[in-house]
Amino acid sequence: MNKKVLIIEDNDDIRESTAEVLDLAGYETFTAKHGKVGVEMALKHLPDVILCDIMMPELDGYGVLYLLNKNPKTANIPFIFITAKTERADMRKGMEMGADDYLTKPFDDLELFKAIESRFKKKQQSAGFSTNATNSEAVLEELRSKGKSKSIGNKQIIYVEGDEPTHLYYVIKGQVKTYKRFKDGRELSNSLYHDGDFFGYESLCNGEIYADNASTLIESEIIQIAKIDFMEYLLNHQAVSKTFIGLLSGNIRDKGKQMLQLAYSSVRKRVAEALLQVATKFGDDTLDSCTIRISRDDLASLVGTASETVSRMLADFKDEKLIDKTGNAINILSIERLKNIKQ
């Protein structure tokens, strides 16, 4: 099917000669000699691109663009202004209103074709991006279907630092932490994962042994995807590559932030940040209060300090009416106040 072009121009010679050139190039053209008729024809024919003069009787080019942008049927049609050199100063207004491009009179055939083809390419790319979002989820779902679901109990180890990575992991339901264990027995958690999260991909992407450990915080259902399947999808599907590049970038940023906190933040501030991190991952941080469940040892691992120190900080927070405690459940009474705790 031929691409449709609507030409709105009050100058008869320019309008007819432009239509003639585009007809010869295989386009289907429609013409209107002023803005009001142009809007009516745009709604009737829904062209693939619109060429429109600025200065016209009855309704000028700005009015045409405004009316078409208001209508969902025509709002996304590429719009190119045709302007005289003396009107170039007015082009900023047109671009700010949503025009996609402009042609300056007099223009030759090559300039006309380039402007139109450029708009078609950008429109196709935009359509591709919207379908890509759907395609991305479909490809990731296909990747997940390659794995096997496994139920793993509370506080169970999934992989150990120094092991050769054999799987990518995906949390269907549950909570997982990754952490470093030091020779003196201390732990430092670096990431938390819950429903809908992938983990264990850093070592697979780097082609190295595991640099940390992973274990469940509660009973969890996890999909294990074989390394060979993950690498095939990573190398052959742009959607998968883009997803994991984003995840890796986010991990680098988070670990950098954690190192800065360990170096410069007080223990009080770090405990507050750890509570906020757990609330973001496992609670409902859209409200100013929420309930989280995490053991003292796991919280200490996030903070990078001793369990006794965390207990003292939690007692202080309770006295200050920032939190309340019931067993392993911590009721955060004010997320906003926790965020505002100073260094």
C-alpha atoms as a PDB file:
ATOM      1  CA  MET A   1       0.000   0.000   0.000  1.00  0.00           C
ATOM      2  CA  ASN A   2       1.314   3.446  -1.007  1.00  0.00           C
ATOM      3  CA  LYS A   3       2.160   5.931   1.733  1.00  0.00           C
ATOM      4  CA  LYS A   4      -0.357   8.760   2.024  1.00  0.00           C
ATOM      5  CA  VAL A   5       0.775  12.406   2.110  1.00  0.00           C
ATOM      6  CA  LEU A   6      -1.503  15.363   2.840  1.00  0.00           C
ATOM      7  CA  ILE A   7      -0.328  18.742   1.498  1.00  0.00           C
ATOM      8  CA  ILE A   8      -1.926  21.846   3.063  1.00  0.00           C
ATOM      9  CA  GLU A   9      -0.754  24.918   1.138  1.00  0.00           C
ATOM     10  CA  ASP A  10      -2.578  28.058  -0.052  1.00  0.00           C
ATOM     11  CA  ASN A  11      -0.171  28.698  -2.944  1.00  0.00           C
ATOM     12  CA  ASP A  12      -1.616  26.795  -5.917  1.00  0.00           C
ATOM     13  CA  ASP A  13       1.698  26.377  -7.759  1.00  0.00           C
ATOM     14  CA  ILE A  14       3.578  24.996  -4.738  1.00  0.00           C
ATOM     15  CA  ARG A  15       0.691  22.747  -3.701  1.00  0.00           C
ATOM     16  CA  GLU A  16       0.155  21.220  -7.146  1.00  0.00           C
ATOM     17  CA  SER A  17       3.836  20.862  -8.061  1.00  0.00           C
ATOM     18  CA  THR A  18       4.605  19.171  -4.712  1.00  0.00           C
ATOM     19  CA  ALA A  19       1.707  16.764  -5.201  1.00  0.00           C
ATOM     20  CA  GLU A  20       2.826  16.008  -8.753  1.00  0.00           C
ATOM     21  CA  VAL A  21       6.392  15.159  -7.669  1.00  0.00           C
ATOM     22  CA  LEU A  22       5.167  12.907  -4.856  1.00  0.00           C
ATOM     23  CA  ASP A  23       2.651  11.171  -7.141  1.00  0.00           C
ATOM     24  CA  LEU A  24       5.463  10.363  -9.580  1.00  0.00           C
ATOM     25  CA  ALA A  25       7.507   8.953  -6.663  1.00  0.00           C
ATOM     26  CA  GLY A  26       4.685   6.532  -5.820  1.00  0.00           C
ATOM     27  CA  TYR A  27       3.000   8.341  -2.938  1.00  0.00           C
ATOM     28  CA  GLU A  28      -0.758   8.781  -2.674  1.00  0.00           C
ATOM     29  CA  THR A  29      -1.384  12.513  -2.219  1.00  0.00           C
ATOM     30  CA  PHE A  30      -4.263  14.638  -0.954  1.00  0.00           C
ATOM     31  CA  THR A  31      -4.288  18.440  -1.144  1.00  0.00           C
ATOM     32  CA  ALA A  32      -6.013  21.245   0.749  1.00  0.00           C
ATOM     33  CA  LYS A  33      -5.763  24.955  -0.063  1.00  0.00           C
ATOM     34  CA  HIS A  34      -6.198  26.186   3.531  1.00  0.00           C
ATOM     35  CA  GLY A  35      -6.049  24.947   7.106  1.00  0.00           C
ATOM     36  CA  LYS A  36      -9.714  24.277   7.778  1.00  0.00           C
ATOM     37  CA  VAL A  37     -10.062  21.941   4.796  1.00  0.00           C
ATOM     38  CA  GLY A  38      -6.690  20.407   5.717  1.00  0.00           C
ATOM     39  CA  VAL A  39      -7.926  19.381   9.178  1.00  0.00           C
ATOM     40  CA  GLU A  40     -11.058  17.831   7.662  1.00  0.00           C
ATOM     41  CA  MET A  41      -9.001  15.855   5.122  1.00  0.00           C
ATOM     42  CA  ALA A  42      -6.548  14.694   7.800  1.00  0.00           C
ATOM     43  CA  LEU A  43      -9.430  13.256   9.835  1.00  0.00           C
ATOM     44  CA  LYS A  44     -10.963  11.654   6.738  1.00  0.00           C
ATOM     45  CA  HIS A  45      -7.855  10.098   5.163  1.00  0.00           C
ATOM     46  CA  LEU A  46      -5.481   9.693   8.180  1.00  0.00           C
ATOM     47  CA  PRO A  47      -2.337  10.275   6.082  1.00  0.00           C
ATOM     48  CA  ASP A  48       1.086   8.898   6.954  1.00  0.00           C
ATOM     49  CA  VAL A  49       2.646  12.381   6.912  1.00  0.00           C
ATOM     50  CA  ILE A  50       1.361  15.974   6.649  1.00  0.00           C
ATOM     51  CA  LEU A  51       3.076  18.878   4.867  1.00  0.00           C
ATOM     52  CA  CYS A  52       1.600  22.184   6.011  1.00  0.00           C
ATOM     53  CA  ASP A  53       2.232  25.865   5.231  1.00  0.00           C
ATOM     54  CA  ILE A  54       2.305  28.289   8.169  1.00  0.00           C
ATOM     55  CA  MET A  55       0.715  31.445   6.780  1.00  0.00           C
ATOM     56  CA  MET A  56      -2.755  30.583   5.377  1.00  0.00           C
ATOM     57  CA  PRO A  57      -6.252  32.123   5.390  1.00  0.00           C
ATOM     58  CA  GLU A  58      -9.066  30.929   7.685  1.00  0.00           C
ATOM     59  CA  LEU A  59      -6.786  28.661   9.776  1.00  0.00           C
ATOM     60  CA  ASP A  60      -2.995  28.968   9.818  1.00  0.00           C
ATOM     61  CA  GLY A  61      -0.463  26.148  10.209  1.00  0.00           C
ATOM     62  CA  TYR A  62      -0.230  26.568  13.972  1.00  0.00           C
ATOM     63  CA  GLY A  63      -4.001  26.159  14.277  1.00  0.00           C
ATOM     64  CA  VAL A  64      -3.904  23.038  12.110  1.00  0.00           C
ATOM     65  CA  LEU A  65      -1.164  21.488  14.275  1.00  0.00           C
ATOM     66  CA  TYR A  66      -3.000  22.398  17.480  1.00  0.00           C
ATOM     67  CA  LEU A  67      -6.271  20.803  16.354  1.00  0.00           C
ATOM     68  CA  LEU A  68      -4.613  17.645  15.036  1.00  0.00           C
ATOM     69  CA  ASN A  69      -2.589  17.202  18.241  1.00  0.00           C
ATOM     70  CA  LYS A  70      -5.803  17.342  20.262  1.00  0.00           C
ATOM     71  CA  ASN A  71      -7.364  14.454  18.339  1.00  0.00           C
ATOM     72  CA  PRO A  72      -6.058  10.963  19.293  1.00  0.00           C
ATOM     73  CA  LYS A  73      -6.572   9.757  15.695  1.00  0.00           C
ATOM     74  CA  THR A  74      -4.186  12.353  14.242  1.00  0.00           C
ATOM     75  CA  ALA A  75      -1.916  13.275  17.180  1.00  0.00           C
ATOM     76  CA  ASN A  76       0.870  10.889  16.139  1.00  0.00           C
ATOM     77  CA  ILE A  77       0.914  11.678  12.409  1.00  0.00           C
ATOM     78  CA  PRO A  78       4.327  13.168  11.480  1.00  0.00           C
ATOM     79  CA  PHE A  79       3.902  16.885  10.768  1.00  0.00           C
ATOM     80  CA  ILE A  80       6.274  18.935   8.571  1.00  0.00           C
ATOM     81  CA  PHE A  81       5.917  22.708   8.293  1.00  0.00           C
ATOM     82  CA  ILE A  82       6.529  24.410   4.933  1.00  0.00           C
ATOM     83  CA  THR A  83       7.917  27.876   5.601  1.00  0.00           C
ATOM     84  CA  ALA A  84       9.300  30.858   3.715  1.00  0.00           C
ATOM     85  CA  LYS A  85      12.807  32.010   4.700  1.00  0.00           C
ATOM     86  CA  THR A  86      11.308  35.141   6.251  1.00  0.00           C
ATOM     87  CA  GLU A  87       9.230  32.945   8.573  1.00  0.00           C
ATOM     88  CA  ARG A  88      12.172  30.966   9.917  1.00  0.00           C
ATOM     89  CA  ALA A  89      12.072  32.874  13.195  1.00  0.00           C
ATOM     90  CA  ASP A  90       8.565  31.454  13.745  1.00  0.00           C
ATOM     91  CA  MET A  91       9.747  27.857  13.430  1.00  0.00           C
ATOM     92  CA  ARG A  92      10.676  27.596  17.112  1.00  0.00           C
ATOM     93  CA  LYS A  93       7.013  28.097  17.976  1.00  0.00           C
ATOM     94  CA  GLY A  94       6.037  25.291  15.608  1.00  0.00           C
ATOM     95  CA  MET A  95       8.633  22.884  16.971  1.00  0.00           C
ATOM     96  CA  GLU A  96       7.580  23.664  20.543  1.00  0.00           C
ATOM     97  CA  MET A  97       3.974  22.874  19.585  1.00  0.00           C
ATOM     98  CA  GLY A  98       5.028  19.434  18.336  1.00  0.00           C
ATOM     99  CA  ALA A  99       6.010  19.803  14.668  1.00  0.00           C
ATOM    100  CA  ASP A 100       8.481  17.129  13.593  1.00  0.00           C
ATOM    101  CA  ASP A 101      10.404  19.010  10.888  1.00  0.00           C
ATOM    102  CA  TYR A 102      10.242  21.906   8.442  1.00  0.00           C
ATOM    103  CA  LEU A 103      11.028  22.613   4.791  1.00  0.00           C
ATOM    104  CA  THR A 104      12.128  26.080   3.706  1.00  0.00           C
ATOM    105  CA  LYS A 105      10.717  27.439   0.437  1.00  0.00           C
ATOM    106  CA  PRO A 106      11.918  27.088  -2.225  1.00  0.00           C
ATOM    107  CA  PHE A 107      12.914  23.438  -1.676  1.00  0.00           C
ATOM    108  CA  ASP A 108      14.036  20.942  -4.278  1.00  0.00           C
ATOM    109  CA  ASP A 109      12.769  17.391  -4.825  1.00  0.00           C
ATOM    110  CA  LEU A 110      15.653  15.780  -2.910  1.00  0.00           C
ATOM    111  CA  GLU A 111      14.999  17.904   0.198  1.00  0.00           C
ATOM    112  CA  LEU A 112      11.317  16.975   0.012  1.00  0.00           C
ATOM    113  CA  PHE A 113      11.977  13.235  -0.264  1.00  0.00           C
ATOM    114  CA  LYS A 114      14.586  13.284   2.520  1.00  0.00           C
ATOM    115  CA  ALA A 115      12.244  15.104   4.909  1.00  0.00           C
ATOM    116  CA  ILE A 116       9.380  12.683   4.276  1.00  0.00           C
ATOM    117  CA  GLU A 117      11.477   9.506   4.391  1.00  0.00           C
ATOM    118  CA  SER A 118      13.149  10.676   7.602  1.00  0.00           C
ATOM    119  CA  ARG A 119       9.723  11.025   9.239  1.00  0.00           C
ATOM    120  CA  PHE A 120       8.656   7.570   8.061  1.00  0.00           C
ATOM    121  CA  LYS A 121      11.802   5.996   9.531  1.00  0.00           C
ATOM    122  CA  LYS A 122      11.307   7.674  12.905  1.00  0.00           C
ATOM    123  CA  LYS A 123       7.666   6.638  12.989  1.00  0.00           C
ATOM    124  CA  GLN A 124       8.612   3.025  12.274  1.00  0.00           C
ATOM    125  CA  GLN A 125      11.269   3.129  15.011  1.00  0.00           C
ATOM    126  CA  SER A 126       8.718   4.490  17.509  1.00  0.00           C
ATOM    127  CA  ALA A 127       6.283   1.739  16.586  1.00  0.00           C
ATOM    128  CA  GLY A 128       9.116  -0.748  16.987  1.00  0.00           C
ATOM    129  CA  PHE A 129       9.931   0.512  20.485  1.00  0.00           C
ATOM    130  CA  SER A 130       6.328   0.085  21.648  1.00  0.00           C
ATOM    131  CA  THR A 131       6.231  -3.487  20.343  1.00  0.00           C
ATOM    132  CA  ASN A 132       9.705  -4.122  21.756  1.00  0.00           C
ATOM    133  CA  ALA A 133       8.400  -3.623  25.308  1.00  0.00           C
ATOM    134  CA  THR A 134       5.903  -6.442  24.724  1.00  0.00           C
ATOM    135  CA  ASN A 135       8.474  -8.536  22.862  1.00  0.00           C
ATOM    136  CA  SER A 136      11.026  -8.046  25.669  1.00  0.00           C
ATOM    137  CA  GLU A 137       8.673  -9.514  28.272  1.00  0.00           C
ATOM    138  CA  ALA A 138       7.801 -12.364  25.915  1.00  0.00           C
ATOM    139  CA  VAL A 139      11.486 -13.212  25.380  1.00  0.00           C
ATOM    140  CA  LEU A 140      12.213 -13.041  29.128  1.00  0.00           C
ATOM    141  CA  GLU A 141       9.230 -15.287  29.816  1.00  0.00           C
ATOM    142  CA  GLU A 142      10.588 -17.704  27.215  1.00  0.00           C
ATOM    143  CA  LEU A 143      13.960 -17.636  29.002  1.00  0.00           C
ATOM    144  CA  ARG A 144      12.286 -18.333  32.362  1.00  0.00           C
ATOM    145  CA  SER A 145      10.400 -21.267  30.829  1.00  0.00           C
ATOM    146  CA  LYS A 146      13.767 -22.885  30.009  1.00  0.00           C
ATOM    147  CA  GLY A 147      14.458 -23.319  33.740  1.00  0.00           C
ATOM    148  CA  LYS A 148      13.153 -25.624  36.455  1.00  0.00           C
ATOM    149  CA  SER A 149      11.231 -24.413  39.492  1.00  0.00           C
ATOM    150  CA  LYS A 150      12.517 -25.489  42.885  1.00  0.00           C
ATOM    151  CA  SER A 151      11.255 -24.866  46.427  1.00  0.00           C
ATOM    152  CA  ILE A 152      14.081 -23.894  48.795  1.00  0.00           C
ATOM    153  CA  GLY A 153      13.600 -23.737  52.560  1.00  0.00           C
ATOM    154  CA  ASN A 154      14.234 -20.878  54.966  1.00  0.00           C
ATOM    155  CA  LYS A 155      17.915 -19.892  55.490  1.00  0.00           C
ATOM    156  CA  GLN A 156      19.188 -22.345  52.863  1.00  0.00           C
ATOM    157  CA  ILE A 157      22.330 -21.728  50.811  1.00  0.00           C
ATOM    158  CA  ILE A 158      21.809 -21.425  47.044  1.00  0.00           C
ATOM    159  CA  TYR A 159      25.429 -20.974  45.953  1.00  0.00           C
ATOM    160  CA  VAL A 160      28.774 -20.346  47.639  1.00  0.00           C
ATOM    161  CA  GLU A 161      31.602 -17.915  46.930  1.00  0.00           C
ATOM    162  CA  GLY A 162      34.311 -19.584  44.847  1.00  0.00           C
ATOM    163  CA  ASP A 163      31.957 -22.039  43.134  1.00  0.00           C
ATOM    164  CA  GLU A 164      31.731 -22.248  39.349  1.00  0.00           C
ATOM    165  CA  PRO A 165      28.433 -20.642  38.238  1.00  0.00           C
ATOM    166  CA  THR A 166      26.104 -23.115  36.540  1.00  0.00           C
ATOM    167  CA  HIS A 167      22.714 -21.361  36.678  1.00  0.00           C
ATOM    168  CA  LEU A 168      20.867 -18.077  36.461  1.00  0.00           C
ATOM    169  CA  TYR A 169      18.238 -17.739  39.200  1.00  0.00           C
ATOM    170  CA  TYR A 170      14.791 -16.119  39.204  1.00  0.00           C
ATOM    171  CA  VAL A 171      12.641 -15.579  42.300  1.00  0.00           C
ATOM    172  CA  ILE A 172       9.026 -16.607  41.688  1.00  0.00           C
ATOM    173  CA  LYS A 173       8.137 -16.049  45.336  1.00  0.00           C
ATOM    174  CA  GLY A 174      10.308 -15.428  48.371  1.00  0.00           C
ATOM    175  CA  GLN A 175      13.293 -13.454  49.612  1.00  0.00           C
ATOM    176  CA  VAL A 176      16.995 -13.952  48.865  1.00  0.00           C
ATOM    177  CA  LYS A 177      20.163 -12.170  49.957  1.00  0.00           C
ATOM    178  CA  THR A 178      23.661 -12.205  48.487  1.00  0.00           C
ATOM    179  CA  TYR A 179      26.545 -11.577  50.866  1.00  0.00           C
ATOM    180  CA  LYS A 180      30.277 -11.761  51.516  1.00  0.00           C
ATOM    181  CA  ARG A 181      31.542 -13.860  54.425  1.00  0.00           C
ATOM    182  CA  PHE A 182      34.846 -12.852  56.040  1.00  0.00           C
ATOM    183  CA  LYS A 183      37.386 -15.111  57.788  1.00  0.00           C
ATOM    184  CA  ASP A 184      36.328 -13.892  61.234  1.00  0.00           C
ATOM    185  CA  GLY A 185      32.743 -15.025  60.543  1.00  0.00           C
ATOM    186  CA  ARG A 186      31.292 -11.577  59.843  1.00  0.00           C
ATOM    187  CA  GLU A 187      28.896 -11.134  56.938  1.00  0.00           C
ATOM    188  CA  LEU A 188      28.191  -8.156  54.690  1.00  0.00           C
ATOM    189  CA  SER A 189      25.045  -8.357  52.565  1.00  0.00           C
ATOM    190  CA  ASN A 190      25.294  -6.555  49.241  1.00  0.00           C
ATOM    191  CA  SER A 191      21.885  -7.197  47.615  1.00  0.00           C
ATOM    192  CA  LEU A 192      18.331  -8.269  48.369  1.00  0.00           C
ATOM    193  CA  TYR A 193      16.005  -9.996  45.904  1.00  0.00           C
ATOM    194  CA  HIS A 194      12.297 -10.799  45.953  1.00  0.00           C
ATOM    195  CA  ASP A 195       9.413 -11.805  43.652  1.00  0.00           C
ATOM    196  CA  GLY A 196      10.249 -11.092  40.010  1.00  0.00           C
ATOM    197  CA  ASP A 197      14.017 -10.604  40.451  1.00  0.00           C
ATOM    198  CA  PHE A 198      16.880 -12.359  38.643  1.00  0.00           C
ATOM    199  CA  PHE A 199      20.124 -12.982  40.555  1.00  0.00           C
ATOM    200  CA  GLY A 200      23.436 -14.772  40.109  1.00  0.00           C
ATOM    201  CA  TYR A 201      24.039 -13.188  36.704  1.00  0.00           C
ATOM    202  CA  GLU A 202      27.177 -11.138  37.496  1.00  0.00           C
ATOM    203  CA  SER A 203      29.526 -14.140  37.534  1.00  0.00           C
ATOM    204  CA  LEU A 204      27.836 -15.682  34.496  1.00  0.00           C
ATOM    205  CA  CYS A 205      28.285 -12.448  32.515  1.00  0.00           C
ATOM    206  CA  ASN A 206      31.896 -12.036  33.679  1.00  0.00           C
ATOM    207  CA  GLY A 207      32.811 -15.686  33.105  1.00  0.00           C
ATOM    208  CA  GLU A 208      34.212 -15.893  36.655  1.00  0.00           C
ATOM    209  CA  ILE A 209      33.603 -17.910  39.812  1.00  0.00           C
ATOM    210  CA  TYR A 210      31.037 -16.603  42.282  1.00  0.00           C
ATOM    211  CA  ALA A 211      32.341 -13.556  44.158  1.00  0.00           C
ATOM    212  CA  ASP A 212      29.668 -13.827  46.879  1.00  0.00           C
ATOM    213  CA  ASN A 213      27.218 -16.215  48.512  1.00  0.00           C
ATOM    214  CA  ALA A 214      23.444 -16.461  48.111  1.00  0.00           C
ATOM    215  CA  SER A 215      20.860 -17.814  50.539  1.00  0.00           C
ATOM    216  CA  THR A 216      17.142 -17.569  51.200  1.00  0.00           C
ATOM    217  CA  LEU A 217      15.770 -15.349  53.965  1.00  0.00           C
ATOM    218  CA  ILE A 218      12.430 -17.192  53.961  1.00  0.00           C
ATOM    219  CA  GLU A 219      11.088 -20.269  52.171  1.00  0.00           C
ATOM    220  CA  SER A 220      11.266 -19.388  48.485  1.00  0.00           C
ATOM    221  CA  GLU A 221      10.297 -20.729  45.083  1.00  0.00           C
ATOM    222  CA  ILE A 222      13.101 -20.188  42.589  1.00  0.00           C
ATOM    223  CA  ILE A 223      13.626 -20.988  38.915  1.00  0.00           C
ATOM    224  CA  GLN A 224      17.080 -22.318  37.996  1.00  0.00           C
ATOM    225  CA  ILE A 225      18.032 -21.593  34.379  1.00  0.00           C
ATOM    226  CA  ALA A 226      21.009 -23.483  32.957  1.00  0.00           C
ATOM    227  CA  LYS A 227      24.046 -21.347  32.089  1.00  0.00           C
ATOM    228  CA  ILE A 228      24.053 -22.544  28.458  1.00  0.00           C
ATOM    229  CA  ASP A 229      20.450 -21.398  27.963  1.00  0.00           C
ATOM    230  CA  PHE A 230      21.088 -18.022  29.591  1.00  0.00           C
ATOM    231  CA  MET A 231      24.199 -17.366  27.488  1.00  0.00           C
ATOM    232  CA  GLU A 232      22.354 -18.312  24.290  1.00  0.00           C
ATOM    233  CA  TYR A 233      19.579 -15.810  25.026  1.00  0.00           C
ATOM    234  CA  LEU A 234      22.033 -13.157  26.217  1.00  0.00           C
ATOM    235  CA  LEU A 235      24.008 -13.325  22.974  1.00  0.00           C
ATOM    236  CA  ASN A 236      21.095 -13.742  20.553  1.00  0.00           C
ATOM    237  CA  HIS A 237      18.289 -11.579  21.979  1.00  0.00           C
ATOM    238  CA  GLN A 238      18.702  -7.837  22.284  1.00  0.00           C
ATOM    239  CA  ALA A 239      15.872  -7.641  24.837  1.00  0.00           C
ATOM    240  CA  VAL A 240      17.740  -9.992  27.183  1.00  0.00           C
ATOM    241  CA  SER A 241      21.060  -8.163  26.694  1.00  0.00           C
ATOM    242  CA  LYS A 242      19.418  -4.813  27.423  1.00  0.00           C
ATOM    243  CA  THR A 243      17.716  -6.155  30.560  1.00  0.00           C
ATOM    244  CA  PHE A 244      20.892  -7.540  32.079  1.00  0.00           C
ATOM    245  CA  ILE A 245      23.033  -4.539  31.132  1.00  0.00           C
ATOM    246  CA  GLY A 246      20.509  -2.468  33.089  1.00  0.00           C
ATOM    247  CA  LEU A 247      20.664  -4.853  36.060  1.00  0.00           C
ATOM    248  CA  LEU A 248      24.470  -4.876  36.084  1.00  0.00           C
ATOM    249  CA  SER A 249      24.586  -1.062  35.939  1.00  0.00           C
ATOM    250  CA  GLY A 250      22.144  -0.835  38.840  1.00  0.00           C
ATOM    251  CA  ASN A 251      24.246  -3.259  40.906  1.00  0.00           C
ATOM    252  CA  ILE A 252      27.400  -1.220  40.342  1.00  0.00           C
ATOM    253  CA  ARG A 253      25.599   1.936  41.447  1.00  0.00           C
ATOM    254  CA  ASP A 254      24.143   0.264  44.556  1.00  0.00           C
ATOM    255  CA  LYS A 255      27.464  -1.260  45.614  1.00  0.00           C
ATOM    256  CA  GLY A 256      29.216   2.079  45.175  1.00  0.00           C
ATOM    257  CA  LYS A 257      26.591   3.707  47.396  1.00  0.00           C
ATOM    258  CA  GLN A 258      27.049   0.954  50.004  1.00  0.00           C
ATOM    259  CA  MET A 259      30.824   1.461  50.083  1.00  0.00           C
ATOM    260  CA  LEU A 260      30.386   5.212  50.609  1.00  0.00           C
ATOM    261  CA  GLN A 261      27.977   4.563  53.492  1.00  0.00           C
ATOM    262  CA  LEU A 262      30.395   2.126  55.126  1.00  0.00           C
ATOM    263  CA  ALA A 263      33.192   4.680  54.812  1.00  0.00           C
ATOM    264  CA  TYR A 264      31.400   7.867  55.816  1.00  0.00           C
ATOM    265  CA  SER A 265      28.011   7.197  57.461  1.00  0.00           C
ATOM    266  CA  SER A 266      27.459   6.664  61.185  1.00  0.00           C
ATOM    267  CA  VAL A 267      26.115   3.303  62.395  1.00  0.00           C
ATOM    268  CA  ARG A 268      22.845   5.074  63.252  1.00  0.00           C
ATOM    269  CA  LYS A 269      22.486   6.301  59.673  1.00  0.00           C
ATOM    270  CA  ARG A 270      23.432   2.901  58.235  1.00  0.00           C
ATOM    271  CA  VAL A 271      20.829   1.077  60.348  1.00  0.00           C
ATOM    272  CA  ALA A 272      18.191   3.562  59.161  1.00  0.00           C
ATOM    273  CA  GLU A 273      19.264   3.023  55.531  1.00  0.00           C
ATOM    274  CA  ALA A 274      19.163  -0.767  55.969  1.00  0.00           C
ATOM    275  CA  LEU A 275      15.602  -0.588  57.320  1.00  0.00           C
ATOM    276  CA  LEU A 276      14.618   1.587  54.347  1.00  0.00           C
ATOM    277  CA  GLN A 277      16.277  -0.862  51.930  1.00  0.00           C
ATOM    278  CA  VAL A 278      14.308  -3.787  53.383  1.00  0.00           C
ATOM    279  CA  ALA A 279      11.099  -1.722  53.327  1.00  0.00           C
ATOM    280  CA  THR A 280      11.676  -0.892  49.651  1.00  0.00           C
ATOM    281  CA  LYS A 281      12.302  -4.525  48.713  1.00  0.00           C
ATOM    282  CA  PHE A 282      10.027  -6.503  51.010  1.00  0.00           C
ATOM    283  CA  GLY A 283       7.509  -4.038  52.457  1.00  0.00           C
ATOM    284  CA  ASP A 284       5.157  -1.355  51.189  1.00  0.00           C
ATOM    285  CA  ASP A 285       7.195   1.868  51.139  1.00  0.00           C
ATOM    286  CA  THR A 286       4.465   3.777  49.314  1.00  0.00           C
ATOM    287  CA  LEU A 287       2.983   4.550  52.735  1.00  0.00           C
ATOM    288  CA  ASP A 288       4.767   6.352  55.566  1.00  0.00           C
ATOM    289  CA  SER A 289       4.537   3.238  57.739  1.00  0.00           C
ATOM    290  CA  CYS A 290       4.985  -0.458  56.998  1.00  0.00           C
ATOM    291  CA  THR A 291       5.907  -3.776  58.622  1.00  0.00           C
ATOM    292  CA  ILE A 292       9.025  -5.721  57.653  1.00  0.00           C
ATOM    293  CA  ARG A 293      10.292  -9.087  58.868  1.00  0.00           C
ATOM    294  CA  ILE A 294      14.021  -9.613  59.104  1.00  0.00           C
ATOM    295  CA  SER A 295      16.225 -11.198  61.748  1.00  0.00           C
ATOM    296  CA  ARG A 296      18.687  -9.162  63.780  1.00  0.00           C
ATOM    297  CA  ASP A 297      21.615 -11.058  62.233  1.00  0.00           C
ATOM    298  CA  ASP A 298      20.405 -10.432  58.667  1.00  0.00           C
ATOM    299  CA  LEU A 299      19.906  -6.746  59.445  1.00  0.00           C
ATOM    300  CA  ALA A 300      23.404  -6.568  60.941  1.00  0.00           C
ATOM    301  CA  SER A 301      24.740  -8.161  57.756  1.00  0.00           C
ATOM    302  CA  LEU A 302      23.147  -5.363  55.720  1.00  0.00           C
ATOM    303  CA  VAL A 303      24.537  -2.680  58.010  1.00  0.00           C
ATOM    304  CA  GLY A 304      28.025  -4.207  58.204  1.00  0.00           C
ATOM    305  CA  THR A 305      28.234  -4.223  61.994  1.00  0.00           C
ATOM    306  CA  ALA A 306      27.696  -6.512  64.995  1.00  0.00           C
ATOM    307  CA  SER A 307      24.231  -7.792  65.916  1.00  0.00           C
ATOM    308  CA  GLU A 308      24.529  -6.216  69.372  1.00  0.00           C
ATOM    309  CA  THR A 309      25.117  -2.801  67.814  1.00  0.00           C
ATOM    310  CA  VAL A 310      22.021  -3.192  65.648  1.00  0.00           C
ATOM    311  CA  SER A 311      19.986  -4.177  68.729  1.00  0.00           C
ATOM    312  CA  ARG A 312      21.072  -0.974  70.520  1.00  0.00           C
ATOM    313  CA  MET A 313      20.170   1.159  67.482  1.00  0.00           C
ATOM    314  CA  LEU A 314      16.756  -0.498  67.163  1.00  0.00           C
ATOM    315  CA  ALA A 315      16.132   0.142  70.868  1.00  0.00           C
ATOM    316  CA  ASP A 316      17.013   3.822  70.338  1.00  0.00           C
ATOM    317  CA  PHE A 317      14.695   4.031  67.309  1.00  0.00           C
ATOM    318  CA  LYS A 318      11.917   2.459  69.374  1.00  0.00           C
ATOM    319  CA  ASP A 319      12.410   5.050  72.145  1.00  0.00           C
ATOM    320  CA  GLU A 320      12.237   7.792  69.511  1.00  0.00           C
ATOM    321  CA  LYS A 321       8.935   6.359  68.168  1.00  0.00           C
ATOM    322  CA  LEU A 322      10.531   5.636  64.767  1.00  0.00           C
ATOM    323  CA  ILE A 323       9.810   1.908  64.974  1.00  0.00           C
ATOM    324  CA  ASP A 324       8.025  -0.694  67.074  1.00  0.00           C
ATOM    325  CA  LYS A 325       9.083  -4.350  67.422  1.00  0.00           C
ATOM    326  CA  THR A 326       7.228  -7.641  67.740  1.00  0.00           C
ATOM    327  CA  GLY A 327       9.605 -10.618  67.472  1.00  0.00           C
ATOM    328  CA  ASN A 328      11.243 -10.468  64.034  1.00  0.00           C
ATOM    329  CA  ALA A 329       8.583  -8.034  62.825  1.00  0.00           C
ATOM    330  CA  ILE A 330       9.680  -4.409  62.756  1.00  0.00           C
ATOM    331  CA  ASN A 331       6.917  -1.854  62.384  1.00  0.00           C
ATOM    332  CA  ILE A 332       8.350   1.267  60.766  1.00  0.00           C
ATOM    333  CA  LEU A 333       6.223   4.088  62.130  1.00  0.00           C
ATOM    334  CA  SER A 334       7.635   6.844  59.917  1.00  0.00           C
ATOM    335  CA  ILE A 335       9.619   6.151  56.749  1.00  0.00           C
ATOM    336  CA  GLU A 336      10.026   9.889  56.204  1.00  0.00           C
ATOM    337  CA  ARG A 337      11.643  10.402  59.616  1.00  0.00           C
ATOM    338  CA  LEU A 338      14.003   7.472  59.009  1.00  0.00           C
ATOM    339  CA  LYS A 339      15.063   9.073  55.714  1.00  0.00           C
ATOM    340  CA  ASN A 340      15.820  12.317  57.540  1.00  0.00           C
ATOM    341  CA  ILE A 341      18.172  10.779  60.114  1.00  0.00           C
ATOM    342  CA  LYS A 342      21.468  12.671  59.894  1.00  0.00           C
ATOM    343  CA  GLN A 343      24.917  11.231  59.530  1.00  0.00           C
END
